[in-house]
Protein backbone atom coordinates (compact mmCIF):
# COMPACT_ATOMS: atom_id res chain seq x y z
CA MET A 1 0.99 -49.22 -17.13
CA HIS A 2 -0.72 -51.25 -19.72
CA GLN A 3 -4.28 -49.62 -20.58
CA PRO A 4 -6.62 -52.56 -20.25
CA ALA A 5 -5.06 -53.53 -16.88
CA ARG A 6 -5.45 -49.99 -15.62
CA TRP A 7 -9.05 -49.95 -16.76
CA GLY A 8 -9.59 -53.33 -15.33
CA LEU A 9 -8.23 -52.19 -11.85
CA GLY A 10 -10.39 -49.20 -11.89
CA ALA A 11 -13.60 -50.87 -12.89
CA ALA A 12 -13.06 -53.83 -10.33
CA GLY A 13 -12.09 -51.37 -7.60
CA ALA A 14 -15.31 -49.27 -8.31
CA GLY A 15 -17.29 -52.30 -8.01
CA VAL A 16 -15.80 -53.60 -4.66
CA THR A 17 -16.17 -49.96 -3.35
CA VAL A 18 -19.73 -49.94 -4.13
CA ILE A 19 -20.43 -53.49 -2.53
CA LEU A 20 -18.37 -52.38 0.60
CA GLY A 21 -20.65 -49.31 0.87
CA LEU A 22 -23.78 -51.58 0.63
CA GLU A 23 -22.26 -53.73 3.29
CA LEU A 24 -21.56 -50.92 5.78
CA THR A 25 -24.95 -49.13 5.14
CA SER A 26 -26.90 -52.32 5.76
CA LEU A 27 -25.28 -53.59 8.97
CA ASP A 28 -28.40 -52.81 10.99
CA GLU A 29 -30.77 -54.73 8.61
CA MET A 30 -28.80 -57.64 7.44
CA ASN A 31 -26.70 -60.12 9.57
CA PRO A 32 -23.41 -60.66 7.50
CA ILE A 33 -22.63 -63.88 9.47
CA ARG A 34 -25.77 -65.69 8.21
CA ARG A 35 -26.88 -63.69 5.14
CA THR A 36 -25.13 -63.75 1.93
CA ILE A 37 -23.86 -60.93 -0.13
CA SER A 38 -26.17 -61.47 -2.96
CA GLU A 39 -29.05 -60.21 -0.69
CA HIS A 40 -28.15 -56.79 -1.42
CA GLY A 41 -29.54 -57.52 -4.76
CA LEU A 42 -33.08 -57.90 -3.49
CA GLY A 43 -35.54 -54.95 -3.34
CA PRO A 44 -35.84 -51.78 -5.28
CA ASP A 45 -32.12 -50.74 -4.95
CA GLY A 46 -30.94 -54.14 -6.05
CA TRP A 47 -29.78 -52.69 -9.35
CA ILE A 48 -26.96 -51.04 -7.47
CA PHE A 49 -25.57 -54.31 -6.34
CA GLY A 50 -26.04 -55.68 -9.94
CA LEU A 51 -24.10 -52.80 -11.33
CA ALA A 52 -21.30 -53.17 -8.79
CA VAL A 53 -20.84 -56.93 -9.59
CA GLY A 54 -21.11 -55.97 -13.38
CA LEU A 55 -18.22 -53.59 -12.93
CA LEU A 56 -16.18 -56.39 -11.12
CA ALA A 57 -16.84 -58.85 -13.95
CA ALA A 58 -15.85 -56.24 -16.66
CA GLY A 59 -12.78 -55.38 -14.81
CA SER A 60 -11.91 -58.95 -14.69
CA VAL A 61 -12.22 -59.16 -18.49
CA ALA A 62 -9.98 -56.28 -19.03
CA ILE A 63 -7.30 -57.62 -16.82
CA GLY A 64 -7.67 -60.95 -18.69
CA VAL A 65 -7.15 -58.89 -21.97
CA SER A 66 -3.88 -57.60 -20.59
CA LEU A 67 -2.65 -61.09 -19.42
CA ALA A 68 -3.38 -62.58 -22.72
CA ARG A 69 -1.96 -59.70 -24.69
CA LYS A 70 1.40 -59.92 -22.75
CA ARG A 71 1.28 -63.89 -22.88
CA LEU A 72 1.29 -64.06 -19.17
CA ALA A 73 -1.76 -66.57 -19.15
CA GLY A 74 -2.19 -69.63 -21.00
CA VAL A 75 -5.46 -71.09 -22.57
CA PHE A 76 -6.50 -72.92 -19.46
CA GLY A 77 -5.82 -69.90 -17.22
CA MET A 78 -7.85 -67.65 -19.54
CA VAL A 79 -10.77 -70.10 -19.88
CA ALA A 80 -10.94 -70.16 -15.97
CA LEU A 81 -10.65 -66.36 -15.70
CA MET A 82 -13.40 -65.92 -18.17
CA GLY A 83 -15.59 -68.45 -16.49
CA TRP A 84 -15.22 -66.36 -13.39
CA SER A 85 -16.31 -63.34 -15.31
CA VAL A 86 -19.39 -65.02 -16.96
CA GLY A 87 -20.41 -66.22 -13.59
CA LEU A 88 -20.26 -62.84 -12.22
CA PHE A 89 -22.43 -61.43 -15.03
CA LEU A 90 -25.06 -64.17 -14.42
CA THR A 91 -25.02 -63.36 -10.67
CA ALA A 92 -25.39 -59.61 -11.53
CA TRP A 93 -28.23 -60.13 -14.18
CA PHE A 94 -30.26 -62.74 -12.33
CA GLU A 95 -31.12 -61.99 -8.71
CA LYS A 96 -31.01 -64.13 -5.76
CA HIS A 97 -34.24 -66.02 -4.76
CA ASP A 98 -35.93 -66.71 -1.55
CA TRP A 99 -35.88 -70.52 -1.80
CA SER A 100 -38.30 -70.88 1.22
CA VAL A 101 -41.21 -70.11 -1.30
CA GLY A 102 -40.13 -72.69 -3.79
CA PRO A 103 -37.68 -72.66 -6.70
CA SER A 104 -37.37 -70.18 -9.62
CA THR A 105 -35.62 -69.96 -12.96
CA SER A 106 -33.84 -66.73 -12.01
CA GLY A 107 -32.72 -68.07 -8.50
CA SER A 108 -31.36 -71.22 -10.15
CA ILE A 109 -29.21 -69.24 -12.60
CA HIS A 110 -28.05 -66.95 -10.01
CA ARG A 111 -26.94 -69.86 -7.99
CA VAL A 112 -25.19 -71.50 -10.99
CA GLY A 113 -23.53 -68.34 -11.77
CA SER A 114 -22.18 -67.81 -8.32
CA ILE A 115 -20.70 -71.42 -8.02
CA ILE A 116 -19.09 -71.11 -11.56
CA ALA A 117 -17.52 -67.74 -10.41
CA PHE A 118 -16.30 -68.93 -6.91
CA VAL A 119 -14.80 -72.14 -8.43
CA CYS A 120 -13.20 -70.79 -11.62
CA LEU A 121 -11.35 -67.80 -9.87
CA PRO A 122 -9.18 -69.91 -7.72
CA LEU A 123 -8.28 -72.25 -10.56
CA ALA A 124 -7.52 -69.25 -12.94
CA VAL A 125 -5.11 -67.51 -10.48
CA VAL A 126 -3.21 -70.73 -9.33
CA ILE A 127 -2.84 -71.64 -13.17
CA ILE A 128 -1.76 -68.17 -14.19
CA ALA A 129 0.54 -67.16 -11.36
CA ARG A 130 2.05 -70.41 -10.45
CA PRO A 131 5.76 -69.45 -9.76
CA TRP A 132 7.50 -72.27 -11.60
CA ARG A 133 5.93 -71.09 -14.82
CA HIS A 134 7.66 -67.88 -14.94
CA ARG A 135 11.35 -67.12 -15.16
CA GLU A 136 10.86 -63.83 -13.23
CA ARG A 137 9.04 -63.62 -9.94
CA SER A 138 7.40 -60.63 -8.56
CA LYS A 139 5.57 -59.90 -5.33
CA ALA A 140 2.34 -59.53 -7.14
CA THR A 141 2.68 -63.06 -8.72
CA LEU A 142 3.60 -64.44 -5.40
CA VAL A 143 0.74 -62.74 -3.54
CA ALA A 144 -1.68 -63.72 -6.18
CA PHE A 145 -0.64 -67.35 -6.11
CA GLY A 146 -0.73 -67.43 -2.29
CA LEU A 147 -4.28 -65.94 -2.31
CA GLY A 148 -5.25 -68.48 -5.06
CA ILE A 149 -4.21 -71.38 -2.77
CA CYS A 150 -6.21 -69.80 0.00
CA SER A 151 -9.27 -69.51 -2.17
CA VAL A 152 -8.98 -73.10 -3.22
CA LEU A 153 -8.85 -74.02 0.59
CA TRP A 154 -12.10 -71.96 0.95
CA VAL A 155 -13.89 -73.85 -1.66
CA VAL A 156 -12.68 -77.24 -0.36
CA PHE A 157 -13.94 -76.22 3.10
CA ILE A 158 -17.36 -75.22 1.59
CA GLY A 159 -17.52 -78.53 -0.15
CA THR A 160 -16.64 -80.49 2.94
CA MET A 161 -19.49 -78.78 4.84
CA ILE A 162 -21.96 -79.60 2.00
CA LEU A 163 -21.00 -83.15 2.28
CA ILE A 164 -21.28 -83.22 6.05
CA ALA A 165 -24.81 -81.79 5.62
CA ALA A 166 -25.79 -84.37 3.12
CA GLU A 167 -24.61 -87.11 5.51
CA THR A 168 -26.42 -85.70 8.49
CA GLY A 169 -29.55 -84.63 6.73
CA MET A 170 -29.11 -80.99 7.61
CA GLN A 171 -29.69 -78.10 5.24
CA TRP A 172 -26.14 -77.30 4.08
CA TRP A 173 -26.46 -73.50 4.39
CA ARG A 174 -27.11 -74.24 8.25
CA VAL A 175 -24.08 -76.31 8.80
CA MET A 176 -21.71 -73.33 8.67
CA PRO A 177 -22.03 -69.45 9.05
CA LEU A 178 -22.74 -69.10 5.26
CA GLY A 179 -22.61 -65.33 5.08
CA LEU A 180 -19.33 -65.12 6.94
CA VAL A 181 -17.62 -68.05 4.92
CA GLU A 182 -18.92 -66.55 1.66
CA ARG A 183 -17.49 -63.08 2.47
CA GLY A 184 -14.15 -64.64 3.42
CA LEU A 185 -14.03 -66.45 0.11
CA ALA A 186 -15.11 -63.21 -1.85
CA VAL A 187 -12.46 -61.14 -0.16
CA THR A 188 -9.72 -63.53 -0.76
CA GLU A 189 -10.82 -64.11 -4.39
CA VAL A 190 -11.10 -60.39 -5.25
CA ALA A 191 -7.67 -59.67 -3.68
CA ALA A 192 -6.09 -62.46 -5.83
CA LEU A 193 -7.77 -60.93 -8.86
CA LEU A 194 -6.46 -57.39 -8.10
CA ALA A 195 -2.93 -58.91 -7.48
CA LEU A 196 -3.20 -60.40 -11.02
CA GLY A 197 -4.23 -56.91 -12.28
CA VAL A 198 -1.25 -55.23 -10.66
CA TRP A 199 1.06 -57.80 -12.21
CA ALA A 200 -0.43 -57.36 -15.63
CA ALA A 201 -0.25 -53.50 -15.42
CA ALA A 202 3.38 -53.53 -14.27
CA ARG A 203 4.76 -55.76 -16.95
CA GLN A 204 6.38 -54.58 -20.29
CA LEU A 205 4.35 -55.68 -23.30
CA GLY A 206 5.69 -58.78 -24.74
CA GLY A 207 5.41 -61.28 -21.81
CA GLU A 208 7.38 -62.38 -18.85
CA GLY A 209 11.00 -62.76 -19.28
CA THR A 210 11.28 -60.85 -22.45
CA VAL A 211 13.85 -58.32 -21.09
CA VAL A 212 15.95 -61.17 -19.65
CA GLU A 213 15.84 -63.11 -23.01
CA LYS A 214 16.99 -59.92 -24.93
CA ALA A 215 19.74 -59.27 -22.55
CA ASP A 216 20.89 -63.01 -22.89
CA GLU A 217 21.14 -62.67 -26.66
CA ILE A 218 23.30 -59.61 -26.24
CA ILE A 219 25.59 -60.92 -23.58
CA THR A 220 25.92 -64.63 -24.47
CA PRO A 221 28.15 -64.21 -27.78
CA VAL A 222 30.71 -62.13 -25.93
CA GLY A 223 31.36 -64.99 -23.54
CA LYS A 224 31.59 -67.70 -26.18
CA PRO A 225 35.09 -68.94 -27.19
CA GLY A 226 36.01 -68.21 -30.76
CA VAL A 227 33.63 -65.29 -31.17
CA SER A 228 36.08 -62.55 -30.27
CA GLY A 229 37.19 -62.14 -33.86
CA ARG A 230 40.55 -63.78 -33.50
């Protein structure tokens, strides 16, 4: 298993576990259908949520390092994946704001970071794991690609709801069960990221198709006419 990918999966898994724990322990206090995940960052214990998101971001960077070193991801895929990580770091550092009391710089940066993260990850997964790019297909790449497409559909749905809200004059976060939709998107995107991590960890250093190419170099001359030494 490639070391950066292993570290990345461990860090991302730890971050997800902490967030899941926060979700379960706050069911009596917070409505997951309407309240967003970032509300765990409010209050004196908000640093725990920030740490969890930071671990997820760091794990994403480590997975990206493995993908890059093994030449499994091109420039555009890596830029999108790093955009996801940067967005997560911004979300972790700048806490969510209560917009009912007016705007704030921290809240605006938090919102921009979350948008960057949620949009960049689906693009990264679809670009990196697209089946027609790789000579060999694995279950991890196919799962990642499928989850990437589902993530894109989530983003399109949210964008459509925002447009409907603009047309009707309603507040966009009231047009849909925002907390439930955000959690569905988050679960899908994190699962896609972990699938990429499993793929990166399982591949031999040197990139996709390296073993097949070496085998072709050995086998091809034997089958060619006039190479048998006659």
